[in-house]
Amino acid sequence: MDKKRLIVVWPYRFRDFDWQRFELDYLAPHVEIHVHELLEALTPEFAVAYANRSENPAVQRFNSLKDWRREFKNVSKNAIVFSHVRPINLESTLICWTLCRSKARVVGFSIGGVPFSDFRVDVEKVDLPKPIKSVLHFFRRNALAIFMPDCVVAGGSEEVARVRRDNPKKTAVVLASSSDYSNSLNWRIANNPNASVGVYLDTGFPGFPRDEIFEGIREKVSAEVWYPQLNKFLSFVEGFLNSSVIISIHPKHIGRDHKSMFQHRETIGGKTAELVANSSFVIATNSTSISYAVAFDKPLILVTSDQIQSGRDQYKASLIANISSETGAKIFNIDREYSEQDLRDALVIDQAKRGSYKRKYLTSRTDDKPNYQVLLDEVINVAD
């Protein structure tokens, strides 16, 4: 019997990291996987944000939507589509229309794993009052109903609420977990902390191009100011805790030289789950990989700076503050001085807040079933 086709429609650069985080290796024995990458067709200017890409033969890249539609038509009959495209502009809406009229089963995803910010990435854009937003959401989800997926995979109560807000009633919700939390389940048995090692979760901020390119805005925080102060803070932590801090490189920037940013410290890419599982504490700004700190029950230290807090980057400041509020993690300003006791206090975990964070942002499951198994049981094997 031939395998079902699974088509992953991806609007960004598809990397080996994405293959791993979406657990496609676990799905591959059951389905024939086709990855359709649309970065060059949609936002070619965003390619500069990526230092690597997957060379897996299952990944096809398209320079135009016309070429993609032709290939999609050839392979989409009776297929299952994992769509990561939302109808946010004309081009993406037309992609969603192509998916929906194909009669394939279309599956959306909302598994972010971190609190949202009340600020826009571009603070110069006017934000609307909440009552007006609610009215617009009502009209949007009904006006765009024909472009929406058959179901959406969501992890955490906040993501489930967002899915129900943004989609019509006909769109079913499949309860799952954030990608990081689901991946962490494979590392539970390897959770063997080394008391002398901590991990800094790098986001590429502010040294490399990132998602801000989408908004067409420039970096507000100076790399020349940030990195010397960050390294000073990491040395402070290492000295008091008699440890070393390893830098976990952001997946977008694996392959780029980080030595000028982090000096003598070891930098490792593609092993974030393993690094956090085997560490004794985690340092971060607003990385989604904070999920691993919660999943593996690691102390979390959040860092900010004068430039962030002065209003230069209200979006990032809001994200850091929200993560602190939701996890109970302490925030350290790298431009200020702290005592050993301040650091010791920060290593105490607020278990009540961690439990709440897990339920709100990481998982909607009570059985710790990984996402690939949820997809097989509740989407792929019932799609006929």
Protein backbone atom coordinates (compact mmCIF):
# COMPACT_ATOMS: atom_id res chain seq x y z
CA MET A 1 0.00 0.00 0.00
CA ASP A 2 1.36 3.40 -1.00
CA LYS A 3 2.11 5.89 1.75
CA LYS A 4 0.00 9.00 2.10
CA ARG A 5 1.66 12.18 0.95
CA LEU A 6 2.46 14.80 3.56
CA ILE A 7 3.19 18.27 2.15
CA VAL A 8 4.78 20.81 4.49
CA VAL A 9 4.20 24.34 3.15
CA TRP A 10 6.86 26.56 4.71
CA PRO A 11 7.19 30.33 4.05
CA TYR A 12 10.68 30.68 5.55
CA ARG A 13 14.08 29.01 5.03
CA PHE A 14 13.72 25.32 5.83
CA ARG A 15 16.64 23.92 7.85
CA ASP A 16 17.62 20.57 9.31
CA PHE A 17 16.58 22.16 12.61
CA ASP A 18 13.02 22.47 11.31
CA TRP A 19 13.00 18.84 10.18
CA GLN A 20 14.05 17.86 13.69
CA ARG A 21 11.72 20.16 15.66
CA PHE A 22 8.67 19.05 13.68
CA GLU A 23 9.69 15.42 14.30
CA LEU A 24 9.56 14.52 10.62
CA ASP A 25 11.98 11.62 11.15
CA TYR A 26 9.28 9.99 13.27
CA LEU A 27 6.61 10.63 10.63
CA ALA A 28 8.73 9.53 7.65
CA PRO A 29 8.05 5.78 8.09
CA HIS A 30 4.33 6.49 7.80
CA VAL A 31 4.07 9.18 5.11
CA GLU A 32 5.85 10.37 1.97
CA ILE A 33 7.14 13.82 2.95
CA HIS A 34 7.37 16.79 0.59
CA VAL A 35 8.60 20.12 1.98
CA HIS A 36 7.70 23.17 -0.13
CA GLU A 37 9.84 26.15 0.85
CA LEU A 38 8.44 29.50 -0.35
CA LEU A 39 10.95 31.97 1.06
CA GLU A 40 12.31 33.13 -2.31
CA ALA A 41 8.81 33.46 -3.72
CA LEU A 42 7.48 35.49 -0.81
CA THR A 43 10.25 37.37 1.03
CA PRO A 44 13.62 36.86 -0.66
CA GLU A 45 15.03 39.77 1.33
CA PHE A 46 14.66 37.65 4.49
CA ALA A 47 17.18 35.08 3.20
CA VAL A 48 20.02 37.13 4.71
CA ALA A 49 18.76 36.18 8.20
CA TYR A 50 19.72 32.54 7.62
CA ALA A 51 23.24 31.09 7.62
CA ASN A 52 22.18 27.53 6.76
CA ARG A 53 19.53 25.50 5.01
CA SER A 54 18.51 21.86 4.73
CA GLU A 55 19.86 19.85 1.82
CA ASN A 56 17.40 17.03 2.47
CA PRO A 57 16.11 15.80 -0.93
CA ALA A 58 12.54 16.05 0.37
CA VAL A 59 12.88 19.85 0.43
CA GLN A 60 11.93 21.73 -2.73
CA ARG A 61 12.52 25.47 -3.09
CA PHE A 62 10.40 27.70 -5.32
CA ASN A 63 11.30 31.09 -6.74
CA SER A 64 7.76 31.89 -7.81
CA LEU A 65 4.27 31.03 -6.62
CA LYS A 66 3.39 30.00 -10.16
CA ASP A 67 6.02 27.26 -10.10
CA TRP A 68 4.88 26.20 -6.64
CA ARG A 69 1.22 25.96 -7.63
CA ARG A 70 2.15 23.75 -10.56
CA GLU A 71 4.09 21.34 -8.34
CA PHE A 72 1.51 21.45 -5.56
CA LYS A 73 -1.24 20.50 -8.01
CA ASN A 74 0.82 17.50 -9.12
CA VAL A 75 1.29 16.07 -5.61
CA SER A 76 -1.65 17.28 -3.54
CA LYS A 77 -4.33 14.74 -4.50
CA ASN A 78 -5.50 12.96 -1.34
CA ALA A 79 -2.59 14.52 0.55
CA ILE A 80 -2.32 15.95 4.02
CA VAL A 81 -0.94 19.50 4.14
CA PHE A 82 0.89 20.94 7.12
CA SER A 83 0.56 24.65 6.43
CA HIS A 84 2.60 27.30 8.20
CA VAL A 85 1.12 30.06 6.05
CA ARG A 86 -1.59 32.33 7.42
CA PRO A 87 -3.79 34.73 5.40
CA ILE A 88 -2.13 37.97 6.51
CA ASN A 89 -1.72 39.63 3.09
CA LEU A 90 -2.79 39.08 -0.50
CA GLU A 91 -0.04 36.60 -1.43
CA SER A 92 -0.45 34.46 1.69
CA THR A 93 -4.24 34.52 1.32
CA LEU A 94 -3.94 33.24 -2.24
CA ILE A 95 -1.65 30.45 -1.01
CA CYS A 96 -4.24 29.49 1.60
CA TRP A 97 -6.92 29.51 -1.10
CA THR A 98 -4.81 27.16 -3.23
CA LEU A 99 -4.47 24.80 -0.28
CA CYS A 100 -8.15 24.82 0.64
CA ARG A 101 -9.52 24.32 -2.87
CA SER A 102 -7.15 21.36 -3.45
CA LYS A 103 -9.42 19.23 -1.25
CA ALA A 104 -6.39 18.03 0.69
CA ARG A 105 -6.71 17.98 4.46
CA VAL A 106 -5.08 21.22 5.64
CA VAL A 107 -3.52 21.36 9.09
CA GLY A 108 -2.36 24.61 10.68
CA PHE A 109 -0.02 25.06 13.64
CA SER A 110 0.03 27.33 16.68
CA ILE A 111 2.74 25.96 18.97
CA GLY A 112 4.88 28.99 19.82
CA GLY A 113 5.72 28.20 23.44
CA VAL A 114 6.29 31.73 24.82
CA PRO A 115 4.14 34.58 26.17
CA PHE A 116 3.06 37.24 23.71
CA SER A 117 4.07 40.90 23.85
CA ASP A 118 1.63 43.78 24.20
CA PHE A 119 3.91 45.84 21.94
CA ARG A 120 4.46 45.68 18.21
CA VAL A 121 7.91 44.91 16.81
CA ASP A 122 7.68 48.33 15.14
CA VAL A 123 6.49 50.63 17.94
CA GLU A 124 5.86 53.45 15.48
CA LYS A 125 2.83 51.60 14.16
CA VAL A 126 -0.42 52.56 15.84
CA ASP A 127 -1.98 49.88 18.04
CA LEU A 128 -5.75 49.61 18.35
CA PRO A 129 -7.85 49.47 21.55
CA LYS A 130 -8.86 45.96 22.62
CA PRO A 131 -12.62 46.40 21.94
CA ILE A 132 -11.86 47.38 18.36
CA LYS A 133 -9.45 44.45 18.05
CA SER A 134 -12.19 42.08 19.23
CA VAL A 135 -14.59 43.36 16.57
CA LEU A 136 -11.92 43.06 13.89
CA HIS A 137 -11.11 39.50 14.97
CA PHE A 138 -14.81 38.61 14.63
CA PHE A 139 -15.06 39.96 11.11
CA ARG A 140 -11.67 38.56 10.12
CA ARG A 141 -12.32 34.96 11.17
CA ASN A 142 -15.68 34.97 9.40
CA ALA A 143 -14.60 36.82 6.27
CA LEU A 144 -11.55 34.58 5.88
CA ALA A 145 -13.30 31.33 6.84
CA ILE A 146 -12.85 29.82 3.38
CA PHE A 147 -9.08 30.30 3.63
CA MET A 148 -8.67 28.67 7.03
CA PRO A 149 -7.34 25.13 7.70
CA ASP A 150 -9.49 22.13 8.58
CA CYS A 151 -7.77 21.89 11.96
CA VAL A 152 -5.03 23.63 13.93
CA VAL A 153 -2.51 21.91 16.18
CA ALA A 154 -2.16 23.99 19.36
CA GLY A 155 -0.02 23.65 22.49
CA GLY A 156 -0.94 25.39 25.74
CA SER A 157 -4.16 27.08 26.83
CA GLU A 158 -3.05 30.50 25.54
CA GLU A 159 -2.40 29.13 22.06
CA VAL A 160 -5.70 27.25 22.10
CA ALA A 161 -7.50 30.50 22.99
CA ARG A 162 -5.71 32.32 20.17
CA VAL A 163 -6.66 29.61 17.66
CA ARG A 164 -10.31 29.83 18.66
CA ARG A 165 -10.16 33.63 18.44
CA ASP A 166 -8.62 33.64 14.96
CA ASN A 167 -10.44 30.74 13.31
CA PRO A 168 -14.08 29.95 12.49
CA LYS A 169 -15.97 27.30 14.43
CA LYS A 170 -15.51 24.79 11.59
CA THR A 171 -11.77 24.68 12.32
CA ALA A 172 -11.07 21.88 14.81
CA VAL A 173 -8.39 22.18 17.48
CA VAL A 174 -5.91 19.33 17.95
CA LEU A 175 -4.42 19.47 21.45
CA ALA A 176 -0.64 19.07 21.40
CA SER A 177 2.52 20.76 22.75
CA SER A 178 5.03 23.39 21.73
CA SER A 179 7.77 21.98 19.51
CA ASP A 180 10.44 22.46 22.17
CA TYR A 181 8.35 20.79 24.87
CA SER A 182 7.53 17.85 22.61
CA ASN A 183 11.22 17.47 21.71
CA SER A 184 12.17 17.64 25.39
CA LEU A 185 10.25 14.42 26.03
CA ASN A 186 13.00 12.55 24.17
CA TRP A 187 15.62 13.99 26.54
CA ARG A 188 13.93 13.36 29.88
CA ILE A 189 16.02 10.26 30.55
CA ALA A 190 19.19 12.20 29.68
CA ASN A 191 18.47 15.01 32.16
CA ASN A 192 21.78 14.75 34.02
CA PRO A 193 22.81 18.24 35.19
CA ASN A 194 26.46 19.20 35.38
CA ALA A 195 26.85 21.56 38.34
CA SER A 196 29.73 23.37 36.65
CA VAL A 197 27.95 24.23 33.37
CA GLY A 198 25.31 26.79 32.46
CA VAL A 199 23.81 27.66 29.06
CA TYR A 200 23.15 31.03 27.45
CA LEU A 201 20.36 30.80 24.86
CA ASP A 202 21.54 33.09 22.09
CA THR A 203 18.96 34.57 19.70
CA GLY A 204 21.44 36.29 17.40
CA PHE A 205 20.48 39.55 19.13
CA PRO A 206 21.81 42.10 18.38
CA GLY A 207 24.72 40.91 16.24
CA PHE A 208 22.97 39.17 13.33
CA PRO A 209 19.96 39.92 11.07
CA ARG A 210 16.77 38.49 12.55
CA ASP A 211 12.97 38.60 12.22
CA GLU A 212 12.99 42.42 12.36
CA ILE A 213 13.82 42.30 8.65
CA PHE A 214 10.17 41.37 8.05
CA GLU A 215 9.12 44.67 9.60
CA GLY A 216 11.79 46.64 7.79
CA ILE A 217 13.18 48.10 11.02
CA ARG A 218 16.76 48.50 12.19
CA GLU A 219 18.27 47.01 15.35
CA LYS A 220 17.76 49.41 18.25
CA VAL A 221 20.39 47.97 20.59
CA SER A 222 24.09 48.40 19.82
CA ALA A 223 26.14 45.21 19.49
CA GLU A 224 29.23 47.21 20.51
CA VAL A 225 27.55 47.98 23.83
CA TRP A 226 25.62 44.74 24.40
CA TYR A 227 28.28 42.05 24.02
CA PRO A 228 31.01 43.49 26.30
CA GLN A 229 28.46 43.97 29.07
CA LEU A 230 26.91 40.55 28.48
CA ASN A 231 30.33 38.88 28.70
CA LYS A 232 31.03 40.80 31.89
CA PHE A 233 27.78 39.51 33.37
CA LEU A 234 28.50 35.93 32.26
CA SER A 235 31.92 36.17 33.94
CA PHE A 236 30.21 37.38 37.12
CA VAL A 237 27.91 34.35 37.06
CA GLU A 238 30.77 31.96 36.29
CA GLY A 239 32.89 33.37 39.11
CA PHE A 240 30.27 33.14 41.84
CA LEU A 241 28.91 29.76 40.76
CA ASN A 242 32.31 28.28 39.92
CA SER A 243 31.01 27.30 36.51
CA SER A 244 31.40 27.92 32.81
CA VAL A 245 28.68 29.18 30.46
CA ILE A 246 28.26 27.53 27.06
CA ILE A 247 26.61 29.52 24.28
CA SER A 248 23.76 27.72 22.52
CA ILE A 249 23.74 29.23 19.04
CA HIS A 250 20.41 30.16 17.48
CA PRO A 251 19.51 27.75 14.64
CA LYS A 252 19.37 30.58 12.07
CA HIS A 253 23.01 31.43 12.73
CA ILE A 254 24.70 28.05 12.85
CA GLY A 255 27.74 28.41 10.61
CA ARG A 256 28.43 32.05 11.49
CA ASP A 257 31.46 33.15 13.49
CA HIS A 258 30.50 34.01 17.09
CA LYS A 259 34.01 34.39 18.53
CA SER A 260 34.06 38.18 18.45
CA MET A 261 30.79 38.24 20.38
CA PHE A 262 31.42 35.65 23.10
CA GLN A 263 35.22 35.74 23.40
CA HIS A 264 36.67 32.49 24.80
CA ARG A 265 33.33 30.80 25.50
CA GLU A 266 32.37 27.59 23.75
CA THR A 267 29.61 28.02 21.15
CA ILE A 268 27.51 25.02 20.07
CA GLY A 269 24.70 24.87 17.52
CA GLY A 270 21.93 22.35 16.97
CA LYS A 271 22.03 20.83 20.47
CA THR A 272 19.95 23.18 22.60
CA ALA A 273 17.78 20.49 24.20
CA GLU A 274 20.80 18.39 25.11
CA LEU A 275 22.74 21.38 26.45
CA VAL A 276 19.88 22.54 28.67
CA ALA A 277 19.13 19.00 29.87
CA ASN A 278 22.74 18.62 31.00
CA SER A 279 23.18 22.10 32.50
CA SER A 280 22.58 23.39 36.01
CA PHE A 281 21.14 26.79 35.01
CA VAL A 282 19.97 28.75 31.94
CA ILE A 283 20.47 32.40 30.96
CA ALA A 284 18.34 34.04 28.26
CA THR A 285 16.63 37.16 26.96
CA ASN A 286 13.44 36.03 25.20
CA SER A 287 14.35 32.82 23.40
CA THR A 288 11.57 30.33 22.69
CA SER A 289 14.02 27.69 23.98
CA ILE A 290 13.17 28.90 27.47
CA SER A 291 10.65 26.07 27.11
CA TYR A 292 13.54 23.66 27.75
CA ALA A 293 14.43 25.39 31.04
CA VAL A 294 10.85 24.85 32.20
CA ALA A 295 10.58 21.31 30.81
CA PHE A 296 13.85 20.22 32.47
CA ASP A 297 13.19 22.19 35.67
CA LYS A 298 16.30 24.39 35.39
CA PRO A 299 16.84 27.73 37.15
CA LEU A 300 16.32 30.56 34.67
CA ILE A 301 18.06 33.93 34.71
CA LEU A 302 16.76 36.61 32.34
CA VAL A 303 18.97 39.44 31.11
CA THR A 304 18.20 42.92 29.82
CA SER A 305 20.17 46.17 29.47
CA ASP A 306 19.88 49.94 29.83
CA GLN A 307 19.36 50.32 26.09
CA ILE A 308 16.47 47.84 26.11
CA GLN A 309 14.85 49.28 29.22
CA SER A 310 15.26 52.92 28.12
CA GLY A 311 12.52 52.41 25.56
CA ARG A 312 14.72 51.71 22.56
CA ASP A 313 13.28 48.22 22.28
CA GLN A 314 9.90 48.18 24.00
CA TYR A 315 8.95 44.97 22.23
CA LYS A 316 11.89 43.00 23.64
CA ALA A 317 11.53 44.63 27.07
CA SER A 318 7.88 43.56 27.12
CA LEU A 319 8.72 39.98 26.12
CA ILE A 320 11.37 39.69 28.85
CA ALA A 321 9.03 41.17 31.46
CA ASN A 322 6.21 38.81 30.46
CA ILE A 323 8.47 35.75 30.65
CA SER A 324 9.65 36.88 34.09
CA SER A 325 6.09 37.38 35.31
CA GLU A 326 4.93 34.01 33.97
CA THR A 327 7.92 31.89 35.08
CA GLY A 328 9.00 33.71 38.23
CA ALA A 329 12.51 34.15 36.79
CA LYS A 330 14.51 37.16 37.99
CA ILE A 331 15.67 39.82 35.51
CA PHE A 332 19.25 41.09 35.64
CA ASN A 333 20.29 44.30 33.91
CA ILE A 334 23.78 43.61 32.52
CA ASP A 335 24.69 47.29 32.93
CA ARG A 336 24.30 47.11 36.72
CA GLU A 337 26.11 45.46 39.60
CA TYR A 338 24.71 42.54 41.63
CA SER A 339 25.73 40.58 44.69
CA GLU A 340 26.28 36.86 45.10
CA GLN A 341 23.09 36.73 47.14
CA ASP A 342 21.12 38.28 44.27
CA LEU A 343 22.38 35.47 42.07
CA ARG A 344 21.67 32.76 44.63
CA ASP A 345 18.12 34.06 45.04
CA ALA A 346 17.63 33.89 41.28
CA LEU A 347 18.40 30.17 41.27
CA VAL A 348 15.29 29.39 43.34
CA ILE A 349 12.53 28.01 41.12
CA ASP A 350 8.92 29.10 41.61
CA GLN A 351 7.28 25.73 41.02
CA ALA A 352 3.72 27.10 41.04
CA LYS A 353 4.49 29.55 38.25
CA ARG A 354 6.41 26.92 36.32
CA GLY A 355 3.40 24.63 36.46
CA SER A 356 1.14 27.43 35.25
CA TYR A 357 3.59 28.32 32.46
CA LYS A 358 3.64 24.72 31.29
CA ARG A 359 -0.15 24.60 31.05
CA LYS A 360 -0.51 28.02 29.40
CA TYR A 361 2.33 27.93 26.87
CA LEU A 362 3.88 24.49 26.54
CA THR A 363 1.32 21.71 26.41
CA SER A 364 -2.36 20.93 26.25
CA ARG A 365 -1.71 17.24 26.87
CA THR A 366 -1.95 15.36 30.16
CA ASP A 367 -0.36 12.19 28.76
CA ASP A 368 3.02 13.62 27.60
CA LYS A 369 2.37 12.21 24.14
CA PRO A 370 4.89 13.76 21.69
CA ASN A 371 3.56 15.76 18.76
CA TYR A 372 4.41 13.20 16.10
CA GLN A 373 2.28 10.61 17.89
CA VAL A 374 -0.58 13.09 18.29
CA LEU A 375 -0.40 13.84 14.56
CA LEU A 376 -0.38 10.16 13.66
CA ASP A 377 -3.25 9.30 16.00
CA GLU A 378 -5.49 12.34 15.51
CA VAL A 379 -4.68 13.69 12.04
CA ILE A 380 -2.81 11.40 9.66
CA ASN A 381 -4.42 8.05 10.45
CA VAL A 382 -7.93 9.50 10.53
CA ALA A 383 -7.65 11.59 7.37
CA ASP A 384 -9.30 9.08 5.04
